[in-house]
Structures are given as C-alpha cells and as structure tokens.
PDB file of N, CA and C in Angstrom:
ATOM      1  N   UNK A   1     126.473 111.081  86.751  1.00  0.00           N
ATOM      2  CA  UNK A   1     125.267 110.015  87.194  1.00  0.00           C
ATOM      3  C   UNK A   1     123.804 110.604  87.024  1.00  0.00           C
ATOM      4  N   UNK A   2     123.024 110.185  85.849  1.00  0.00           N
ATOM      5  CA  UNK A   2     122.202 110.466  85.666  1.00  0.00           C
ATOM      6  C   UNK A   2     121.329 110.058  86.847  1.00  0.00           C
ATOM      7  N   UNK A   3     119.485 110.755  86.786  1.00  0.00           N
ATOM      8  CA  UNK A   3     118.877 110.166  88.121  1.00  0.00           C
ATOM      9  C   UNK A   3     118.172 109.221  87.861  1.00  0.00           C
ATOM     10  N   UNK A   4     117.878 108.820  89.186  1.00  0.00           N
ATOM     11  CA  UNK A   4     117.032 107.730  89.328  1.00  0.00           C
ATOM     12  C   UNK A   4     115.651 107.828  88.675  1.00  0.00           C
ATOM     13  N   UNK A   5     115.280 106.741  88.151  1.00  0.00           N
ATOM     14  CA  UNK A   5     113.774 106.199  87.600  1.00  0.00           C
ATOM     15  C   UNK A   5     113.205 105.251  88.446  1.00  0.00           C
ATOM     16  N   UNK A   6     111.897 105.341  88.408  1.00  0.00           N
ATOM     17  CA  UNK A   6     111.224 103.818  89.383  1.00  0.00           C
ATOM     18  C   UNK A   6     112.187 102.913  89.283  1.00  0.00           C
ATOM     19  N   UNK A   7     112.232 102.170  87.854  1.00  0.00           N
ATOM     20  CA  UNK A   7     112.426 101.086  87.841  1.00  0.00           C
ATOM     21  C   UNK A   7     114.019 100.493  88.475  1.00  0.00           C
ATOM     22  N   UNK A   8     114.564 101.522  88.841  1.00  0.00           N
ATOM     23  CA  UNK A   8     116.061 101.725  89.117  1.00  0.00           C
ATOM     24  C   UNK A   8     116.352 101.290  90.587  1.00  0.00           C
ATOM     25  N   UNK A   9     115.092 101.726  91.797  1.00  0.00           N
ATOM     26  CA  UNK A   9     114.892 101.969  92.677  1.00  0.00           C
ATOM     27  C   UNK A   9     115.176 100.178  93.312  1.00  0.00           C
ATOM     28  N   UNK A  10     115.715 100.169  94.386  1.00  0.00           N
ATOM     29  CA  UNK A  10     116.089  98.514  94.768  1.00  0.00           C
ATOM     30  C   UNK A  10     114.939  98.499  95.638  1.00  0.00           C
ATOM     31  N   UNK A  11     114.467  97.048  95.485  1.00  0.00           N
ATOM     32  CA  UNK A  11     113.226  96.509  96.187  1.00  0.00           C
ATOM     33  C   UNK A  11     113.147  96.620  97.046  1.00  0.00           C
ATOM     34  N   UNK A  12     113.942  96.499  98.260  1.00  0.00           N
ATOM     35  CA  UNK A  12     113.943  96.689  99.339  1.00  0.00           C
ATOM     36  C   UNK A  12     113.732  98.036 100.119  1.00  0.00           C
ATOM     37  N   UNK A  13     114.243  99.002  98.966  1.00  0.00           N
ATOM     38  CA  UNK A  13     114.029 100.524  99.176  1.00  0.00           C
ATOM     39  C   UNK A  13     112.871 100.984  99.234  1.00  0.00           C
ATOM     40  N   UNK A  14     112.091 100.126  97.834  1.00  0.00           N
ATOM     41  CA  UNK A  14     111.350 100.764  97.166  1.00  0.00           C
ATOM     42  C   UNK A  14     109.460 100.360  98.682  1.00  0.00           C
ATOM     43  N   UNK A  15     109.990  98.808  98.803  1.00  0.00           N
ATOM     44  CA  UNK A  15     109.121  98.400  99.951  1.00  0.00           C
ATOM     45  C   UNK A  15     109.177  99.460 100.821  1.00  0.00           C
ATOM     46  N   UNK A  16     110.226 100.387 101.576  1.00  0.00           N
ATOM     47  CA  UNK A  16     110.248 100.713 102.726  1.00  0.00           C
ATOM     48  C   UNK A  16     109.215 102.140 102.605  1.00  0.00           C
ATOM     49  N   UNK A  17     109.795 102.916 101.392  1.00  0.00           N
ATOM     50  CA  UNK A  17     108.980 103.689 101.061  1.00  0.00           C
ATOM     51  C   UNK A  17     107.679 103.624 100.607  1.00  0.00           C
ATOM     52  N   UNK A  18     107.192 102.751 100.245  1.00  0.00           N
ATOM     53  CA  UNK A  18     105.722 102.700 100.634  1.00  0.00           C
ATOM     54  C   UNK A  18     104.814 101.771 101.648  1.00  0.00           C
ATOM     55  N   UNK A  19     106.011 101.311 102.205  1.00  0.00           N
ATOM     56  CA  UNK A  19     105.196 101.109 103.583  1.00  0.00           C
ATOM     57  C   UNK A  19     105.087 102.390 104.955  1.00  0.00           C
ATOM     58  N   UNK A  20     106.357 102.864 104.770  1.00  0.00           N
ATOM     59  CA  UNK A  20     106.201 104.351 105.609  1.00  0.00           C
ATOM     60  C   UNK A  20     105.352 105.489 104.951  1.00  0.00           C
ATOM     61  N   UNK A  21     105.235 104.988 103.773  1.00  0.00           N
ATOM     62  CA  UNK A  21     104.047 105.980 103.184  1.00  0.00           C
ATOM     63  C   UNK A  21     102.080 105.867 104.012  1.00  0.00           C
ATOM     64  N   UNK A  22     102.395 103.811 103.260  1.00  0.00           N
ATOM     65  CA  UNK A  22     101.010 103.272 104.039  1.00  0.00           C
ATOM     66  C   UNK A  22     101.132 103.609 105.801  1.00  0.00           C
ATOM     67  N   UNK A  23     102.122 103.887 106.474  1.00  0.00           N
ATOM     68  CA  UNK A  23     101.998 104.017 108.220  1.00  0.00           C
ATOM     69  C   UNK A  23     101.458 105.511 108.213  1.00  0.00           C
ATOM     70  N   UNK A  24     102.124 106.054 107.252  1.00  0.00           N
ATOM     71  CA  UNK A  24     101.310 107.423 107.605  1.00  0.00           C
ATOM     72  C   UNK A  24      99.628 107.760 107.114  1.00  0.00           C
ATOM     73  N   UNK A  25      99.188 106.597 106.670  1.00  0.00           N
ATOM     74  CA  UNK A  25      98.189 106.476 106.487  1.00  0.00           C
ATOM     75  C   UNK A  25      96.965 106.148 107.365  1.00  0.00           C
ATOM     76  N   UNK A  26      97.605 105.303 108.091  1.00  0.00           N
ATOM     77  CA  UNK A  26      97.290 104.242 109.112  1.00  0.00           C
ATOM     78  C   UNK A  26      97.388 105.126 110.641  1.00  0.00           C
ATOM     79  N   UNK A  27      98.457 106.208 110.788  1.00  0.00           N
ATOM     80  CA  UNK A  27      98.677 106.857 112.117  1.00  0.00           C
ATOM     81  C   UNK A  27      96.585 108.065 111.372  1.00  0.00           C
ATOM     82  N   UNK A  28      96.914 108.214 110.488  1.00  0.00           N
ATOM     83  CA  UNK A  28      95.772 109.425 109.767  1.00  0.00           C
ATOM     84  C   UNK A  28      94.672 108.090 110.213  1.00  0.00           C
ATOM     85  N   UNK A  29      94.637 107.422 110.245  1.00  0.00           N
ATOM     86  CA  UNK A  29      92.658 106.077 110.182  1.00  0.00           C
ATOM     87  C   UNK A  29      92.271 106.477 111.981  1.00  0.00           C
ATOM     88  N   UNK A  30      93.673 106.176 112.686  1.00  0.00           N
ATOM     89  CA  UNK A  30      93.804 106.253 113.653  1.00  0.00           C
ATOM     90  C   UNK A  30      93.018 107.464 114.469  1.00  0.00           C
ATOM     91  N   UNK A  31      94.171 108.305 114.355  1.00  0.00           N
ATOM     92  CA  UNK A  31      93.530 109.265 114.202  1.00  0.00           C
ATOM     93  C   UNK A  31      92.051 110.178 114.206  1.00  0.00           C
ATOM     94  N   UNK A  32      91.529 109.590 113.526  1.00  0.00           N
ATOM     95  CA  UNK A  32      90.207 110.004 113.028  1.00  0.00           C
ATOM     96  C   UNK A  32      89.431 109.598 114.057  1.00  0.00           C
ATOM     97  N   UNK A  33      89.739 107.695 114.095  1.00  0.00           N
ATOM     98  CA  UNK A  33      88.216 107.054 115.256  1.00  0.00           C
ATOM     99  C   UNK A  33      87.621 108.096 116.079  1.00  0.00           C
ATOM    100  N   UNK A  34      88.118 108.816 116.821  1.00  0.00           N
ATOM    101  CA  UNK A  34      87.854 109.671 117.762  1.00  0.00           C
ATOM    102  C   UNK A  34      86.510 110.748 116.774  1.00  0.00           C
ATOM    103  N   UNK A  35      86.350 110.958 115.306  1.00  0.00           N
ATOM    104  CA  UNK A  35      85.116 111.745 115.069  1.00  0.00           C
ATOM    105  C   UNK A  35      84.099 110.683 114.760  1.00  0.00           C
ATOM    106  N   UNK A  36      82.677 111.354 114.453  1.00  0.00           N
ATOM    107  CA  UNK A  36      81.801 110.516 114.337  1.00  0.00           C
ATOM    108  C   UNK A  36      81.213 111.040 113.167  1.00  0.00           C
ATOM    109  N   UNK A  37      81.877 109.666 112.053  1.00  0.00           N
ATOM    110  CA  UNK A  37      81.521 109.812 110.980  1.00  0.00           C
ATOM    111  C   UNK A  37      80.892 108.174 110.817  1.00  0.00           C
ATOM    112  N   UNK A  38      80.645 108.125 109.343  1.00  0.00           N
ATOM    113  CA  UNK A  38      80.109 106.646 109.424  1.00  0.00           C
ATOM    114  C   UNK A  38      81.356 105.622 109.040  1.00  0.00           C
ATOM    115  N   UNK A  39      81.083 104.636 109.120  1.00  0.00           N
ATOM    116  CA  UNK A  39      82.080 103.703 108.977  1.00  0.00           C
ATOM    117  C   UNK A  39      82.788 103.652 107.550  1.00  0.00           C
ATOM    118  N   UNK A  40      81.400 103.465 106.568  1.00  0.00           N
ATOM    119  CA  UNK A  40      81.717 103.656 105.033  1.00  0.00           C
ATOM    120  C   UNK A  40      82.644 104.952 104.999  1.00  0.00           C
ATOM    121  N   UNK A  41      82.648 106.119 105.504  1.00  0.00           N
ATOM    122  CA  UNK A  41      83.485 106.918 105.287  1.00  0.00           C
ATOM    123  C   UNK A  41      84.981 107.119 105.890  1.00  0.00           C
ATOM    124  N   UNK A  42      85.179 106.204 106.815  1.00  0.00           N
ATOM    125  CA  UNK A  42      86.490 106.018 107.678  1.00  0.00           C
ATOM    126  C   UNK A  42      86.968 105.235 106.445  1.00  0.00           C
ATOM    127  N   UNK A  43      86.457 104.288 105.742  1.00  0.00           N
ATOM    128  CA  UNK A  43      86.952 103.190 105.244  1.00  0.00           C
ATOM    129  C   UNK A  43      87.572 103.844 103.961  1.00  0.00           C
ATOM    130  N   UNK A  44      86.450 104.492 103.563  1.00  0.00           N
ATOM    131  CA  UNK A  44      86.939 105.533 101.962  1.00  0.00           C
ATOM    132  C   UNK A  44      88.354 106.420 102.063  1.00  0.00           C
ATOM    133  N   UNK A  45      88.077 106.624 103.697  1.00  0.00           N
ATOM    134  CA  UNK A  45      89.481 107.858 103.610  1.00  0.00           C
ATOM    135  C   UNK A  45      90.705 107.184 103.584  1.00  0.00           C
ATOM    136  N   UNK A  46      90.083 105.971 104.275  1.00  0.00           N
ATOM    137  CA  UNK A  46      91.515 105.664 104.772  1.00  0.00           C
ATOM    138  C   UNK A  46      92.195 104.515 103.553  1.00  0.00           C
ATOM    139  N   UNK A  47      91.465 104.510 102.450  1.00  0.00           N
ATOM    140  CA  UNK A  47      92.398 104.031 100.942  1.00  0.00           C
ATOM    141  C   UNK A  47      92.527 105.054 100.132  1.00  0.00           C
ATOM    142  N   UNK A  48      91.931 106.392 100.525  1.00  0.00           N
ATOM    143  CA  UNK A  48      92.227 107.693  99.801  1.00  0.00           C
ATOM    144  C   UNK A  48      93.511 107.628 100.399  1.00  0.00           C
ATOM    145  N   UNK A  49      93.869 107.835 101.638  1.00  0.00           N
ATOM    146  CA  UNK A  49      95.026 108.354 102.658  1.00  0.00           C
ATOM    147  C   UNK A  49      96.485 107.265 101.876  1.00  0.00           C
ATOM    148  N   UNK A  50      96.145 105.881 101.940  1.00  0.00           N
ATOM    149  CA  UNK A  50      96.903 104.722 101.624  1.00  0.00           C
ATOM    150  C   UNK A  50      97.359 105.039 100.371  1.00  0.00           C
ATOM    151  N   UNK A  51      96.382 105.234  99.381  1.00  0.00           N
ATOM    152  CA  UNK A  51      97.005 105.305  97.973  1.00  0.00           C
ATOM    153  C   UNK A  51      97.608 107.135  97.798  1.00  0.00           C
ATOM    154  N   UNK A  52      97.474 108.531  98.599  1.00  0.00           N
ATOM    155  CA  UNK A  52      97.568 109.603  98.029  1.00  0.00           C
ATOM    156  C   UNK A  52      98.831 109.268  99.085  1.00  0.00           C
ATOM    157  N   UNK A  53      99.317 108.668 100.134  1.00  0.00           N
ATOM    158  CA  UNK A  53     100.428 108.667 100.798  1.00  0.00           C
ATOM    159  C   UNK A  53     101.374 107.915 100.296  1.00  0.00           C
ATOM    160  N   UNK A  54     100.918 106.804  99.458  1.00  0.00           N
ATOM    161  CA  UNK A  54     102.156 106.007  98.932  1.00  0.00           C
ATOM    162  C   UNK A  54     102.605 106.968  97.787  1.00  0.00           C
ATOM    163  N   UNK A  55     101.731 107.738  96.957  1.00  0.00           N
ATOM    164  CA  UNK A  55     102.239 108.312  95.968  1.00  0.00           C
ATOM    165  C   UNK A  55     103.058 109.442  96.213  1.00  0.00           C
ATOM    166  N   UNK A  56     102.230 110.361  97.701  1.00  0.00           N
ATOM    167  CA  UNK A  56     103.210 111.669  97.724  1.00  0.00           C
ATOM    168  C   UNK A  56     105.128 110.409  98.330  1.00  0.00           C
ATOM    169  N   UNK A  57     105.025 109.731  98.937  1.00  0.00           N
ATOM    170  CA  UNK A  57     106.214 109.025  99.611  1.00  0.00           C
ATOM    171  C   UNK A  57     107.160 108.488  98.621  1.00  0.00           C
ATOM    172  N   UNK A  58     106.501 107.821  97.363  1.00  0.00           N
ATOM    173  CA  UNK A  58     107.742 107.727  95.967  1.00  0.00           C
ATOM    174  C   UNK A  58     107.839 108.478  95.473  1.00  0.00           C
ATOM    175  N   UNK A  59     107.019 110.041  95.196  1.00  0.00           N
ATOM    176  CA  UNK A  59     107.733 111.628  94.806  1.00  0.00           C
ATOM    177  C   UNK A  59     108.216 111.952  95.672  1.00  0.00           C
ATOM    178  N   UNK A  60     108.629 111.671  96.903  1.00  0.00           N
ATOM    179  CA  UNK A  60     109.152 112.320  97.572  1.00  0.00           C
ATOM    180  C   UNK A  60     110.753 111.929  97.621  1.00  0.00           C
ATOM    181  N   UNK A  61     110.950 110.511  97.641  1.00  0.00           N
ATOM    182  CA  UNK A  61     111.821 109.586  97.407  1.00  0.00           C
ATOM    183  C   UNK A  61     112.706 110.306  96.697  1.00  0.00           C
ATOM    184  N   UNK A  62     112.152 110.163  94.983  1.00  0.00           N
ATOM    185  CA  UNK A  62     112.764 110.362  94.060  1.00  0.00           C
ATOM    186  C   UNK A  62     113.172 111.962  94.031  1.00  0.00           C
ATOM    187  N   UNK A  63     112.695 112.902  94.609  1.00  0.00           N
ATOM    188  CA  UNK A  63     113.302 114.032  94.277  1.00  0.00           C
ATOM    189  C   UNK A  63     113.957 114.498  95.866  1.00  0.00           C
ATOM    190  N   UNK A  64     114.446 113.794  96.641  1.00  0.00           N
ATOM    191  CA  UNK A  64     115.296 113.777  97.686  1.00  0.00           C
ATOM    192  C   UNK A  64     116.306 113.249  96.711  1.00  0.00           C
ATOM    193  N   UNK A  65     116.293 111.780  96.792  1.00  0.00           N
ATOM    194  CA  UNK A  65     117.679 111.037  96.314  1.00  0.00           C
ATOM    195  C   UNK A  65     117.598 111.706  94.786  1.00  0.00           C
ATOM    196  N   UNK A  66     116.938 112.475  94.634  1.00  0.00           N
ATOM    197  CA  UNK A  66     117.628 113.915  92.436  1.00  0.00           C
ATOM    198  C   UNK A  66     118.851 113.912  93.616  1.00  0.00           C
ATOM    199  N   UNK A  67     119.088 115.109  94.978  1.00  0.00           N
ATOM    200  CA  UNK A  67     119.526 115.686  95.433  1.00  0.00           C
ATOM    201  C   UNK A  67     121.102 114.888  95.652  1.00  0.00           C
ATOM    202  N   UNK A  68     120.854 113.111  95.251  1.00  0.00           N
ATOM    203  CA  UNK A  68     122.359 112.632  95.581  1.00  0.00           C
ATOM    204  C   UNK A  68     122.306 113.071  97.291  1.00  0.00           C
ATOM    205  N   UNK A  69     120.897 112.851  98.328  1.00  0.00           N
ATOM    206  CA  UNK A  69     121.161 112.635  99.527  1.00  0.00           C
ATOM    207  C   UNK A  69     121.381 110.756 100.182  1.00  0.00           C
ATOM    208  N   UNK A  70     121.579 110.685 101.355  1.00  0.00           N
ATOM    209  CA  UNK A  70     121.446 109.037 101.513  1.00  0.00           C
ATOM    210  C   UNK A  70     120.332 108.764 101.873  1.00  0.00           C
ATOM    211  N   UNK A  71     120.573 107.528 101.196  1.00  0.00           N
ATOM    212  CA  UNK A  71     119.587 106.707 100.906  1.00  0.00           C
ATOM    213  C   UNK A  71     118.170 106.369 102.191  1.00  0.00           C
ATOM    214  N   UNK A  72     119.488 106.176 103.620  1.00  0.00           N
ATOM    215  CA  UNK A  72     118.472 105.879 104.428  1.00  0.00           C
ATOM    216  C   UNK A  72     117.469 107.338 105.089  1.00  0.00           C
ATOM    217  N   UNK A  73     118.087 108.712 104.796  1.00  0.00           N
ATOM    218  CA  UNK A  73     117.837 110.059 104.549  1.00  0.00           C
ATOM    219  C   UNK A  73     116.615 110.084 103.829  1.00  0.00           C
ATOM    220  N   UNK A  74     116.905 109.660 102.548  1.00  0.00           N
ATOM    221  CA  UNK A  74     115.454 110.198 101.456  1.00  0.00           C
ATOM    222  C   UNK A  74     114.535 109.165 101.755  1.00  0.00           C
ATOM    223  N   UNK A  75     114.300 107.920 102.446  1.00  0.00           N
ATOM    224  CA  UNK A  75     113.232 106.865 102.857  1.00  0.00           C
ATOM    225  C   UNK A  75     112.527 107.734 103.828  1.00  0.00           C
ATOM    226  N   UNK A  76     113.219 107.932 104.807  1.00  0.00           N
ATOM    227  CA  UNK A  76     112.522 108.451 106.334  1.00  0.00           C
ATOM    228  C   UNK A  76     111.775 109.807 106.123  1.00  0.00           C
ATOM    229  N   UNK A  77     112.341 110.457 105.030  1.00  0.00           N
ATOM    230  CA  UNK A  77     111.876 111.944 104.768  1.00  0.00           C
ATOM    231  C   UNK A  77     110.394 111.895 103.840  1.00  0.00           C
ATOM    232  N   UNK A  78     110.756 110.718 103.096  1.00  0.00           N
ATOM    233  CA  UNK A  78     109.436 110.418 102.312  1.00  0.00           C
ATOM    234  C   UNK A  78     108.438 109.958 103.153  1.00  0.00           C
ATOM    235  N   UNK A  79     108.640 109.242 104.066  1.00  0.00           N
ATOM    236  CA  UNK A  79     107.727 108.580 104.557  1.00  0.00           C
ATOM    237  C   UNK A  79     107.125 110.093 106.067  1.00  0.00           C
ATOM    238  N   UNK A  80     108.084 110.946 106.472  1.00  0.00           N
ATOM    239  CA  UNK A  80     107.396 111.898 107.168  1.00  0.00           C
ATOM    240  C   UNK A  80     106.547 112.802 105.906  1.00  0.00           C
ATOM    241  N   UNK A  81     107.131 113.046 105.016  1.00  0.00           N
ATOM    242  CA  UNK A  81     106.269 113.814 103.832  1.00  0.00           C
ATOM    243  C   UNK A  81     104.901 113.190 103.302  1.00  0.00           C
ATOM    244  N   UNK A  82     105.090 111.939 103.371  1.00  0.00           N
ATOM    245  CA  UNK A  82     103.742 111.037 102.525  1.00  0.00           C
ATOM    246  C   UNK A  82     102.671 111.463 104.268  1.00  0.00           C
ATOM    247  N   UNK A  83     103.271 111.449 105.452  1.00  0.00           N
ATOM    248  CA  UNK A  83     102.301 111.570 106.418  1.00  0.00           C
ATOM    249  C   UNK A  83     101.662 113.038 106.387  1.00  0.00           C
ATOM    250  N   UNK A  84     102.480 113.541 106.490  1.00  0.00           N
ATOM    251  CA  UNK A  84     102.219 115.476 106.871  1.00  0.00           C
ATOM    252  C   UNK A  84     101.261 115.833 105.153  1.00  0.00           C
ATOM    253  N   UNK A  85     101.660 115.196 104.346  1.00  0.00           N
ATOM    254  CA  UNK A  85     100.859 115.344 102.906  1.00  0.00           C
ATOM    255  C   UNK A  85      99.311 114.997 102.947  1.00  0.00           C
ATOM    256  N   UNK A  86      98.879 114.038 103.407  1.00  0.00           N
ATOM    257  CA  UNK A  86      97.937 113.129 103.744  1.00  0.00           C
ATOM    258  C   UNK A  86      96.711 114.062 104.863  1.00  0.00           C
ATOM    259  N   UNK A  87      97.562 114.815 106.012  1.00  0.00           N
ATOM    260  CA  UNK A  87      97.074 115.575 106.455  1.00  0.00           C
ATOM    261  C   UNK A  87      96.467 117.134 105.774  1.00  0.00           C
ATOM    262  N   UNK A  88      97.303 117.040 104.921  1.00  0.00           N
ATOM    263  CA  UNK A  88      96.953 118.502 104.091  1.00  0.00           C
ATOM    264  C   UNK A  88      96.214 118.882 103.261  1.00  0.00           C
ATOM    265  N   UNK A  89      96.159 116.672 102.814  1.00  0.00           N
ATOM    266  CA  UNK A  89      94.508 117.087 101.960  1.00  0.00           C
ATOM    267  C   UNK A  89      93.257 116.886 103.005  1.00  0.00           C
ATOM    268  N   UNK A  90      93.042 116.415 103.911  1.00  0.00           N
ATOM    269  CA  UNK A  90      92.455 116.183 105.095  1.00  0.00           C
ATOM    270  C   UNK A  90      91.741 118.009 105.275  1.00  0.00           C
ATOM    271  N   UNK A  91      93.038 118.678 105.809  1.00  0.00           N
ATOM    272  CA  UNK A  91      92.905 120.179 105.980  1.00  0.00           C
ATOM    273  C   UNK A  91      91.924 121.005 105.171  1.00  0.00           C
ATOM    274  N   UNK A  92      92.517 120.382 103.671  1.00  0.00           N
ATOM    275  CA  UNK A  92      92.119 121.546 102.567  1.00  0.00           C
ATOM    276  C   UNK A  92      90.589 121.146 101.871  1.00  0.00           C
ATOM    277  N   UNK A  93      90.475 119.668 102.591  1.00  0.00           N
ATOM    278  CA  UNK A  93      89.470 118.916 102.581  1.00  0.00           C
ATOM    279  C   UNK A  93      88.531 119.768 103.002  1.00  0.00           C
ATOM    280  N   UNK A  94      88.633 119.915 104.978  1.00  0.00           N
ATOM    281  CA  UNK A  94      87.931 120.545 105.712  1.00  0.00           C
ATOM    282  C   UNK A  94      87.382 122.068 105.322  1.00  0.00           C
ATOM    283  N   UNK A  95      88.704 122.537 104.599  1.00  0.00           N
ATOM    284  CA  UNK A  95      88.384 123.684 104.030  1.00  0.00           C
ATOM    285  C   UNK A  95      87.904 124.320 103.464  1.00  0.00           C
ATOM    286  N   UNK A  96      88.087 123.588 102.321  1.00  0.00           N
ATOM    287  CA  UNK A  96      86.959 123.730 100.939  1.00  0.00           C
ATOM    288  C   UNK A  96      85.347 123.416 101.347  1.00  0.00           C
ATOM    289  N   UNK A  97      85.224 122.406 102.439  1.00  0.00           N
ATOM    290  CA  UNK A  97      83.569 122.141 102.489  1.00  0.00           C
ATOM    291  C   UNK A  97      83.069 123.428 103.668  1.00  0.00           C
ATOM    292  N   UNK A  98      83.936 123.806 104.221  1.00  0.00           N
ATOM    293  CA  UNK A  98      83.400 124.937 104.748  1.00  0.00           C
ATOM    294  C   UNK A  98      82.987 125.952 104.307  1.00  0.00           C
ATOM    295  N   UNK A  99      83.721 126.850 103.439  1.00  0.00           N
ATOM    296  CA  UNK A  99      83.944 127.745 102.229  1.00  0.00           C
ATOM    297  C   UNK A  99      82.585 127.305 101.795  1.00  0.00           C
ATOM    298  N   UNK A 100      82.475 125.775 100.995  1.00  0.00           N
ATOM    299  CA  UNK A 100      81.195 125.974  99.734  1.00  0.00           C
ATOM    300  C   UNK A 100      79.514 125.357 100.656  1.00  0.00           C
ATOM    301  N   UNK A 101      80.200 125.200 102.451  1.00  0.00           N
ATOM    302  CA  UNK A 101      79.328 124.952 102.888  1.00  0.00           C
ATOM    303  C   UNK A 101      78.034 124.056 103.018  1.00  0.00           C
ATOM    304  N   UNK A 102      79.359 122.909 102.775  1.00  0.00           N
ATOM    305  CA  UNK A 102      78.770 121.643 102.637  1.00  0.00           C
ATOM    306  C   UNK A 102      79.433 120.561 103.808  1.00  0.00           C
ATOM    307  N   UNK A 103      78.193 119.967 104.153  1.00  0.00           N
ATOM    308  CA  UNK A 103      78.541 118.994 105.884  1.00  0.00           C
ATOM    309  C   UNK A 103      79.017 117.858 105.233  1.00  0.00           C
ATOM    310  N   UNK A 104      80.424 117.729 105.455  1.00  0.00           N
ATOM    311  CA  UNK A 104      81.225 116.337 105.121  1.00  0.00           C
ATOM    312  C   UNK A 104      80.305 114.988 106.319  1.00  0.00           C
TER     313      UNK A 104
END
C-alpha cells in the first residue's frame, strides 16, 4: 500500500486535522491574554499560530498515518503536536529575543 498524499485524505479527516490545529492556536491566544502587549501584536501572533499550527497538524498527520496507525489516533496526535509546536515557536521566539537583546 503506497503512502498517502494530501489529495488522498478524506474531506472529514482533513477538516478535523485543520480544526484541531486551529484549536491549538486558539488555546495559545487565550493563554496569552494575560500578557501586556498591544492588540495588534496579539492578532498577528494569532494569525501566525493558526497558519503554523495548521501546517504542523497536516505534516504530523501525514507522518503518523505513514506508519499505518489508526486514523483517529493520527488526528488526535496531530492536534496535540500542533498545539505543542506553536508553543515551541513562541518559546524559541522569546529565547532568540533575549539573546539578541531585543524587547518584543
């Protein structure tokens, strides 16, 4: 059985993967409400989170499904990986800004 491509994913599965990825972005946005940054920066970070978490979720789903795992497991794990991936991007951004001495 050959590996799956993006065109081989069922519509409902694809929607779930992207929805769970976006859910991770929403959770990150809500957790950042406590920070004192401008509204514009929060909105820009939200859009970055949505785009990056959706991409991470699709790649994670294809990787897990490539190992012929259960589709439900692949979708759930892709959602978790998308959330944690966007958290990792945020932490990496903070570390780099500290090293460079730039205040974000």
